[in-house]
Amino acid sequence: MPAADLHSPPDCVAAVTGDLAAEFAGLLPFEVVSEEVASAEHDLRGQVSAPALAELLHRLAGHRCQERAMAQLQHAATDAVD
């Protein structure tokens, strides 16, 4: 997808969701990734310029997905010990 297409919020959200879904495949369901991207887009809306949206959305949503994946792994490890 050309970079110019990523300036549109719907295109940007779809692209970031696809990238992060692939990155977290096997760790988080697609629905969780999609929710995190939508939440991050909502938080960034009106706060960043259109050209910066794709990168910042990827960073913020990616960080949130990483936190959720880590929490799930820690929870699973705790359950395995109990």
Protein backbone atom coordinates (compact mmCIF):
# COMPACT_ATOMS: atom_id res chain seq x y z
CA MET A 1 0.00 0.00 0.00
CA PRO A 2 1.50 3.38 -0.92
CA ALA A 3 2.39 5.60 2.03
CA ALA A 4 -0.05 8.28 0.85
CA ASP A 5 -2.93 5.83 1.35
CA LEU A 6 -2.01 5.50 5.01
CA HIS A 7 -2.98 9.11 5.73
CA SER A 8 -6.65 8.17 5.66
CA PRO A 9 -7.72 6.88 9.08
CA PRO A 10 -9.72 3.90 7.72
CA ASP A 11 -6.83 2.83 5.47
CA CYS A 12 -4.33 3.39 8.25
CA VAL A 13 -6.37 1.40 10.78
CA ALA A 14 -6.80 -1.49 8.36
CA ALA A 15 -3.09 -1.57 7.50
CA VAL A 16 -1.94 -1.39 11.12
CA THR A 17 -4.48 -4.00 12.18
CA GLY A 18 -3.22 -6.37 9.50
CA ASP A 19 0.42 -5.80 10.42
CA LEU A 20 -0.14 -6.29 14.14
CA ALA A 21 -2.45 -9.28 13.65
CA ALA A 22 0.38 -10.98 11.77
CA GLU A 23 2.94 -9.92 14.38
CA PHE A 24 0.87 -11.25 17.29
CA ALA A 25 -0.57 -14.31 15.52
CA GLY A 26 -0.65 -17.18 17.97
CA LEU A 27 -0.45 -14.82 20.93
CA LEU A 28 -3.56 -12.66 20.60
CA PRO A 29 -6.80 -13.25 18.69
CA PHE A 30 -7.45 -10.96 15.72
CA GLU A 31 -10.37 -9.41 17.61
CA VAL A 32 -8.11 -8.31 20.48
CA VAL A 33 -5.61 -6.75 18.08
CA SER A 34 -8.42 -5.00 16.24
CA GLU A 35 -9.82 -3.62 19.52
CA GLU A 36 -6.41 -2.30 20.55
CA VAL A 37 -5.86 -0.61 17.18
CA ALA A 38 -9.32 0.98 17.29
CA SER A 39 -8.74 2.19 20.84
CA ALA A 40 -5.34 3.63 19.95
CA GLU A 41 -6.79 5.36 16.87
CA HIS A 42 -9.48 6.90 19.06
CA ASP A 43 -6.86 8.16 21.52
CA LEU A 44 -4.70 9.63 18.74
CA ARG A 45 -7.54 11.17 16.74
CA GLY A 46 -7.00 14.91 16.49
CA GLN A 47 -3.73 14.68 18.42
CA VAL A 48 -1.34 13.87 15.56
CA SER A 49 -0.96 14.96 11.95
CA ALA A 50 -2.22 12.68 9.20
CA PRO A 51 1.28 11.86 7.92
CA ALA A 52 2.36 10.68 11.39
CA LEU A 53 -0.78 8.67 12.12
CA ALA A 54 0.32 5.32 10.69
CA GLU A 55 3.61 5.20 12.56
CA LEU A 56 2.22 6.43 15.88
CA LEU A 57 -0.82 4.18 15.62
CA HIS A 58 1.42 1.18 14.97
CA ARG A 59 3.65 2.07 17.93
CA LEU A 60 0.82 2.72 20.40
CA ALA A 61 -1.34 -0.23 19.42
CA GLY A 62 1.72 -2.47 19.18
CA HIS A 63 2.77 -1.52 22.69
CA ARG A 64 -0.72 -2.22 24.00
CA CYS A 65 -0.81 -5.59 22.22
CA GLN A 66 2.58 -6.46 23.65
CA GLU A 67 1.37 -5.60 27.15
CA ARG A 68 -1.73 -7.79 26.70
CA ALA A 69 0.31 -10.68 25.33
CA MET A 70 2.75 -10.46 28.24
CA ALA A 71 -0.12 -10.35 30.74
CA GLN A 72 -1.69 -13.43 29.17
CA LEU A 73 1.63 -15.30 29.28
CA GLN A 74 2.16 -14.35 32.92
CA HIS A 75 -1.38 -15.42 33.76
CA ALA A 76 -0.86 -18.74 31.98
CA ALA A 77 2.42 -19.29 33.84
CA THR A 78 0.74 -18.54 37.18
CA ASP A 79 -2.08 -20.96 36.38
CA ALA A 80 0.45 -23.66 35.47
CA VAL A 81 2.15 -23.30 38.85
CA ASP A 82 -1.12 -23.46 40.81
